[in-house]
Amino acid sequence: MTHRILAETTASISELKRNPMGTVAAGAGLPVAVLNRNEPAFYCVPAQAYEALMDRLEDLELNDIADARLNDGKAPLKVSLDEL
């Protein structure tokens, strides 16, 4: 069976156990796919990449809210940043 691996760098669980920080460093700031018997078991995501992912997710959620409010049939109000 084939599996899609969503990372450029992979490591085995054995490699992760042997050198956890080296495994993280091998990703050069990007996620590392950790494989168990040649199947992705989980992704090791550095803190900075995880924080960026969460910020992006929050932005998408806020955009969905803004889009829903624009489509509610009411006329949008124009305000400047100074008024907020």
Protein backbone atom coordinates (compact mmCIF):
# COMPACT_ATOMS: atom_id res chain seq x y z
CA MET A 1 0.00 0.00 0.00
CA THR A 2 1.29 3.47 -0.84
CA HIS A 3 1.11 6.47 1.46
CA ARG A 4 1.35 10.14 0.69
CA ILE A 5 4.15 11.77 2.67
CA LEU A 6 3.64 15.48 3.22
CA ALA A 7 7.21 16.40 4.09
CA GLU A 8 10.48 16.66 2.22
CA THR A 9 12.40 14.99 5.05
CA THR A 10 11.68 11.60 6.57
CA ALA A 11 13.13 9.69 9.50
CA SER A 12 12.43 6.36 11.10
CA ILE A 13 11.22 6.03 14.67
CA SER A 14 14.59 4.45 15.47
CA GLU A 15 16.39 7.54 14.17
CA LEU A 16 14.09 9.76 16.22
CA LYS A 17 14.80 7.74 19.39
CA ARG A 18 18.53 7.78 18.73
CA ASN A 19 18.80 11.54 18.11
CA PRO A 20 15.55 13.51 18.60
CA MET A 21 17.01 16.99 18.16
CA GLY A 22 19.10 15.87 15.19
CA THR A 23 15.95 14.55 13.55
CA VAL A 24 14.20 17.88 14.07
CA ALA A 25 17.26 19.76 12.78
CA ALA A 26 17.33 17.59 9.63
CA GLY A 27 14.08 19.24 8.58
CA ALA A 28 15.76 22.66 8.53
CA GLY A 29 12.74 24.33 10.13
CA LEU A 30 10.17 22.29 8.21
CA PRO A 31 8.19 19.23 9.34
CA VAL A 32 9.80 15.79 9.33
CA ALA A 33 7.67 12.74 8.55
CA VAL A 34 8.43 10.00 11.06
CA LEU A 35 7.94 6.56 9.57
CA ASN A 36 7.02 3.29 11.23
CA ARG A 37 7.67 0.33 8.94
CA ASN A 38 7.88 2.70 5.96
CA GLU A 39 4.48 4.25 6.70
CA PRO A 40 4.05 7.79 8.04
CA ALA A 41 3.21 7.52 11.74
CA PHE A 42 3.30 11.25 12.59
CA TYR A 43 4.94 14.52 11.69
CA CYS A 44 7.52 16.21 13.86
CA VAL A 45 6.83 19.94 13.45
CA PRO A 46 9.24 22.55 14.86
CA ALA A 47 7.65 25.10 17.20
CA GLN A 48 8.13 28.03 14.80
CA ALA A 49 6.46 26.15 11.92
CA TYR A 50 3.59 25.08 14.20
CA GLU A 51 3.05 28.66 15.38
CA ALA A 52 2.98 29.88 11.75
CA LEU A 53 0.47 27.13 10.91
CA MET A 54 -1.80 28.15 13.81
CA ASP A 55 -1.57 31.84 12.81
CA ARG A 56 -2.54 30.94 9.24
CA LEU A 57 -5.45 28.82 10.46
CA GLU A 58 -6.69 31.69 12.64
CA ASP A 59 -6.46 34.06 9.66
CA LEU A 60 -8.53 31.67 7.53
CA GLU A 61 -11.17 31.38 10.25
CA LEU A 62 -11.36 35.18 10.60
CA ASN A 63 -11.69 35.52 6.82
CA ASP A 64 -14.61 33.07 6.89
CA ILE A 65 -16.31 35.17 9.57
CA ALA A 66 -15.72 38.37 7.58
CA ASP A 67 -17.06 36.76 4.39
CA ALA A 68 -20.18 35.55 6.21
CA ARG A 69 -20.80 39.03 7.56
CA LEU A 70 -20.37 40.57 4.10
CA ASN A 71 -22.95 38.15 2.70
CA ASP A 72 -25.57 38.77 5.40
CA GLY A 73 -27.47 41.26 3.21
CA LYS A 74 -26.56 44.33 5.25
CA ALA A 75 -24.62 47.22 3.74
CA PRO A 76 -20.99 47.22 4.88
CA LEU A 77 -19.79 50.13 7.01
CA LYS A 78 -16.66 52.00 6.04
CA VAL A 79 -14.34 52.80 8.97
CA SER A 80 -10.72 53.82 9.28
CA LEU A 81 -8.22 52.13 11.54
CA ASP A 82 -8.12 55.29 13.68
CA GLU A 83 -11.84 54.89 14.40
CA LEU A 84 -11.32 51.39 15.76
